[in-house]
C-alpha atoms as a PDB file:
ATOM      1  CA  MET A   1     -18.319 -30.448 -20.362  1.00  0.00           C
ATOM      2  CA  SER A   2     -19.331 -32.670 -17.482  1.00  0.00           C
ATOM      3  CA  GLY A   3     -19.504 -31.306 -13.968  1.00  0.00           C
ATOM      4  CA  GLU A   4     -16.762 -33.702 -12.894  1.00  0.00           C
ATOM      5  CA  GLU A   5     -14.244 -32.574 -15.507  1.00  0.00           C
ATOM      6  CA  GLU A   6     -12.128 -29.677 -14.299  1.00  0.00           C
ATOM      7  CA  GLU A   7     -11.532 -26.740 -16.602  1.00  0.00           C
ATOM      8  CA  ASN A   8      -7.943 -26.303 -17.745  1.00  0.00           C
ATOM      9  CA  ALA A   9      -7.018 -23.698 -20.370  1.00  0.00           C
ATOM     10  CA  ALA A  10      -3.624 -25.341 -20.908  1.00  0.00           C
ATOM     11  CA  GLU A  11      -5.444 -28.350 -22.337  1.00  0.00           C
ATOM     12  CA  LEU A  12      -8.235 -26.314 -23.979  1.00  0.00           C
ATOM     13  CA  LYS A  13     -10.735 -27.596 -21.425  1.00  0.00           C
ATOM     14  CA  ILE A  14     -12.503 -24.268 -21.111  1.00  0.00           C
ATOM     15  CA  GLY A  15     -16.103 -25.314 -21.481  1.00  0.00           C
ATOM     16  CA  GLU A  16     -18.135 -25.889 -24.605  1.00  0.00           C
ATOM     17  CA  GLU A  17     -19.629 -22.391 -24.576  1.00  0.00           C
ATOM     18  CA  PHE A  18     -16.163 -20.826 -24.617  1.00  0.00           C
ATOM     19  CA  LEU A  19     -14.820 -23.118 -27.314  1.00  0.00           C
ATOM     20  CA  LYS A  20     -17.622 -21.947 -29.614  1.00  0.00           C
ATOM     21  CA  ALA A  21     -17.504 -18.275 -28.577  1.00  0.00           C
ATOM     22  CA  LYS A  22     -16.022 -15.598 -30.805  1.00  0.00           C
ATOM     23  CA  CYS A  23     -13.156 -13.903 -28.995  1.00  0.00           C
ATOM     24  CA  LEU A  24     -11.711 -10.519 -29.838  1.00  0.00           C
ATOM     25  CA  MET A  25      -8.158  -9.312 -29.416  1.00  0.00           C
ATOM     26  CA  ASN A  26      -7.606  -6.018 -27.599  1.00  0.00           C
ATOM     27  CA  CYS A  27      -6.744  -4.329 -30.901  1.00  0.00           C
ATOM     28  CA  GLU A  28     -10.079  -5.433 -32.403  1.00  0.00           C
ATOM     29  CA  VAL A  29     -12.007  -4.158 -29.379  1.00  0.00           C
ATOM     30  CA  ALA A  30     -10.112  -0.860 -29.641  1.00  0.00           C
ATOM     31  CA  LEU A  31     -11.209  -0.425 -33.269  1.00  0.00           C
ATOM     32  CA  ILE A  32     -14.839  -1.153 -32.375  1.00  0.00           C
ATOM     33  CA  LEU A  33     -14.861   1.214 -29.394  1.00  0.00           C
ATOM     34  CA  GLU A  34     -13.082   3.978 -31.326  1.00  0.00           C
ATOM     35  CA  HIS A  35     -15.690   3.693 -34.083  1.00  0.00           C
ATOM     36  CA  LYS A  36     -18.513   3.891 -31.535  1.00  0.00           C
ATOM     37  CA  TYR A  37     -16.838   6.861 -29.848  1.00  0.00           C
ATOM     38  CA  GLU A  38     -16.648   8.685 -33.201  1.00  0.00           C
ATOM     39  CA  GLN A  39     -20.334   7.950 -33.824  1.00  0.00           C
ATOM     40  CA  LEU A  40     -21.238   9.365 -30.419  1.00  0.00           C
ATOM     41  CA  GLN A  41     -19.237  12.512 -31.114  1.00  0.00           C
ATOM     42  CA  LYS A  42     -21.054  13.076 -34.398  1.00  0.00           C
ATOM     43  CA  MET A  43     -24.477  12.601 -32.788  1.00  0.00           C
ATOM     44  CA  SER A  44     -24.003  15.046 -29.929  1.00  0.00           C
ATOM     45  CA  ASP A  45     -22.837  18.616 -29.533  1.00  0.00           C
ATOM     46  CA  ASP A  46     -21.240  17.560 -26.272  1.00  0.00           C
ATOM     47  CA  PRO A  47     -19.527  14.178 -26.954  1.00  0.00           C
ATOM     48  CA  MET A  48     -18.763  13.590 -23.279  1.00  0.00           C
ATOM     49  CA  ASN A  49     -22.494  13.778 -22.588  1.00  0.00           C
ATOM     50  CA  GLN A  50     -23.077  10.309 -24.072  1.00  0.00           C
ATOM     51  CA  VAL A  51     -19.880   8.499 -23.079  1.00  0.00           C
ATOM     52  CA  SER A  52     -19.950   6.696 -19.773  1.00  0.00           C
ATOM     53  CA  GLN A  53     -16.911   6.466 -17.541  1.00  0.00           C
ATOM     54  CA  VAL A  54     -16.853   2.683 -18.055  1.00  0.00           C
ATOM     55  CA  PHE A  55     -16.821   3.157 -21.832  1.00  0.00           C
ATOM     56  CA  GLU A  56     -14.009   5.719 -21.581  1.00  0.00           C
ATOM     57  CA  LYS A  57     -11.906   3.533 -19.294  1.00  0.00           C
ATOM     58  CA  SER A  58     -12.511   0.468 -21.460  1.00  0.00           C
ATOM     59  CA  LEU A  59     -11.357   2.379 -24.525  1.00  0.00           C
ATOM     60  CA  GLN A  60      -8.254   3.623 -22.709  1.00  0.00           C
ATOM     61  CA  TYR A  61      -7.434   0.093 -21.545  1.00  0.00           C
ATOM     62  CA  VAL A  62      -7.691  -1.609 -24.931  1.00  0.00           C
ATOM     63  CA  LYS A  63      -5.779   1.194 -26.636  1.00  0.00           C
ATOM     64  CA  ARG A  64      -3.012   0.934 -24.063  1.00  0.00           C
ATOM     65  CA  PHE A  65      -2.658  -2.845 -24.372  1.00  0.00           C
ATOM     66  CA  SER A  66      -3.256  -3.166 -28.117  1.00  0.00           C
ATOM     67  CA  ARG A  67      -0.147  -4.400 -29.883  1.00  0.00           C
ATOM     68  CA  TYR A  68      -1.457  -3.379 -33.310  1.00  0.00           C
ATOM     69  CA  LYS A  69      -2.951   0.043 -34.062  1.00  0.00           C
ATOM     70  CA  ASN A  70      -3.432   0.027 -37.827  1.00  0.00           C
ATOM     71  CA  PRO A  71      -6.784  -1.517 -38.929  1.00  0.00           C
ATOM     72  CA  ASP A  72      -5.088  -3.377 -41.791  1.00  0.00           C
ATOM     73  CA  ALA A  73      -2.532  -4.844 -39.391  1.00  0.00           C
ATOM     74  CA  VAL A  74      -5.336  -5.953 -37.055  1.00  0.00           C
ATOM     75  CA  ARG A  75      -7.056  -7.742 -39.937  1.00  0.00           C
ATOM     76  CA  GLN A  76      -3.786  -9.360 -41.039  1.00  0.00           C
ATOM     77  CA  VAL A  77      -3.052 -10.638 -37.525  1.00  0.00           C
ATOM     78  CA  ARG A  78      -6.401 -12.405 -37.352  1.00  0.00           C
ATOM     79  CA  GLU A  79      -5.953 -13.824 -40.862  1.00  0.00           C
ATOM     80  CA  ILE A  80      -2.473 -15.160 -40.108  1.00  0.00           C
ATOM     81  CA  LEU A  81      -3.428 -16.709 -36.794  1.00  0.00           C
ATOM     82  CA  SER A  82      -6.583 -18.198 -38.336  1.00  0.00           C
ATOM     83  CA  ARG A  83      -4.459 -20.127 -40.839  1.00  0.00           C
ATOM     84  CA  TYR A  84      -3.007 -22.166 -37.983  1.00  0.00           C
ATOM     85  CA  GLN A  85      -6.392 -23.558 -36.916  1.00  0.00           C
ATOM     86  CA  LEU A  86      -6.143 -22.164 -33.424  1.00  0.00           C
ATOM     87  CA  ALA A  87      -9.068 -22.036 -31.049  1.00  0.00           C
ATOM     88  CA  GLU A  88     -10.430 -18.489 -30.640  1.00  0.00           C
ATOM     89  CA  PHE A  89      -9.037 -18.398 -27.110  1.00  0.00           C
ATOM     90  CA  GLU A  90      -5.544 -19.340 -28.352  1.00  0.00           C
ATOM     91  CA  LEU A  91      -5.689 -16.877 -31.222  1.00  0.00           C
ATOM     92  CA  CYS A  92      -6.568 -13.971 -28.947  1.00  0.00           C
ATOM     93  CA  VAL A  93      -3.970 -14.792 -26.305  1.00  0.00           C
ATOM     94  CA  LEU A  94      -1.225 -14.960 -28.938  1.00  0.00           C
ATOM     95  CA  GLY A  95      -2.505 -11.834 -30.692  1.00  0.00           C
ATOM     96  CA  ASN A  96      -2.676  -9.881 -27.428  1.00  0.00           C
ATOM     97  CA  LEU A  97       0.592 -11.002 -25.876  1.00  0.00           C
ATOM     98  CA  CYS A  98       2.759 -11.306 -29.022  1.00  0.00           C
ATOM     99  CA  PRO A  99       5.301 -13.863 -27.830  1.00  0.00           C
ATOM    100  CA  GLU A 100       8.691 -13.584 -29.485  1.00  0.00           C
ATOM    101  CA  THR A 101       9.914 -17.151 -29.099  1.00  0.00           C
ATOM    102  CA  VAL A 102       8.416 -20.610 -29.453  1.00  0.00           C
ATOM    103  CA  GLU A 103       9.065 -21.214 -25.752  1.00  0.00           C
ATOM    104  CA  GLU A 104       7.149 -18.049 -24.795  1.00  0.00           C
ATOM    105  CA  ALA A 105       4.244 -19.013 -27.050  1.00  0.00           C
ATOM    106  CA  ILE A 106       4.038 -22.505 -25.546  1.00  0.00           C
ATOM    107  CA  SER A 107       4.257 -21.196 -21.986  1.00  0.00           C
ATOM    108  CA  MET A 108       1.454 -18.684 -22.688  1.00  0.00           C
ATOM    109  CA  VAL A 109      -0.721 -21.162 -24.612  1.00  0.00           C
ATOM    110  CA  PRO A 110       0.353 -24.716 -23.740  1.00  0.00           C
ATOM    111  CA  SER A 111      -2.571 -26.171 -25.683  1.00  0.00           C
ATOM    112  CA  ILE A 112      -0.892 -25.327 -29.015  1.00  0.00           C
ATOM    113  CA  LYS A 113       1.404 -28.295 -28.416  1.00  0.00           C
ATOM    114  CA  THR A 114      -1.388 -30.757 -27.628  1.00  0.00           C
ATOM    115  CA  LYS A 115      -0.964 -34.164 -29.243  1.00  0.00           C
ATOM    116  CA  GLY A 116      -2.713 -34.594 -32.550  1.00  0.00           C
ATOM    117  CA  ARG A 117      -2.449 -30.940 -33.539  1.00  0.00           C
ATOM    118  CA  ALA A 118      -0.188 -29.789 -36.346  1.00  0.00           C
ATOM    119  CA  HIS A 119       1.699 -27.233 -34.273  1.00  0.00           C
ATOM    120  CA  ASP A 120       5.278 -28.379 -34.116  1.00  0.00           C
ATOM    121  CA  ASP A 121       8.006 -25.919 -33.145  1.00  0.00           C
ATOM    122  CA  ASP A 122       8.651 -25.011 -36.795  1.00  0.00           C
ATOM    123  CA  ALA A 123       5.000 -24.133 -37.410  1.00  0.00           C
ATOM    124  CA  ILE A 124       4.898 -22.023 -34.246  1.00  0.00           C
ATOM    125  CA  GLU A 125       8.127 -20.291 -35.312  1.00  0.00           C
ATOM    126  CA  ARG A 126       6.614 -19.483 -38.739  1.00  0.00           C
ATOM    127  CA  MET A 127       3.508 -18.094 -37.075  1.00  0.00           C
ATOM    128  CA  LEU A 128       5.593 -15.869 -34.776  1.00  0.00           C
ATOM    129  CA  ASN A 129       7.734 -14.676 -37.693  1.00  0.00           C
ATOM    130  CA  ASP A 130       4.599 -13.746 -39.644  1.00  0.00           C
ATOM    131  CA  LEU A 131       3.324 -11.751 -36.666  1.00  0.00           C
ATOM    132  CA  SER A 132       6.651  -9.985 -36.158  1.00  0.00           C
ATOM    133  CA  LEU A 133       6.644  -8.901 -39.819  1.00  0.00           C
ATOM    134  CA  ILE A 134       3.259  -7.254 -39.363  1.00  0.00           C
ATOM    135  CA  LYS A 135       4.492  -5.428 -36.261  1.00  0.00           C
ATOM    136  CA  LYS A 136       7.687  -4.343 -38.016  1.00  0.00           C
ATOM    137  CA  PHE A 137       5.861  -2.815 -40.991  1.00  0.00           C
ATOM    138  CA  GLU A 138       2.949  -1.317 -39.089  1.00  0.00           C
END
């Protein structure tokens, strides 16, 4: 991205390094941190001895704001959103915020309606319906 071009997430102008970066949804981070926390507990007689305050607060945060708790549901969310050829950034925003309507999804991630992409309102509606089914049966 040239120095003159201004970054704009609504148009997916977020910098080359971010377009290629792997993003994680809060629910994925929660699973990773919970696993690490369990490992730390097994390794120490006093589990709080090896857990920093930052780690603890990070775990609390992602657990609080995770929309999906079940590991299978987390995997399914990523699989469903991946089918729609979203950028990692878009996938994680939609997976974290779980919009209920097409209008909400577009207002949260305007780039999904960018010209030349196959995300018409019907496709977005299907994607949201798929996500709501996962949440309903979790």
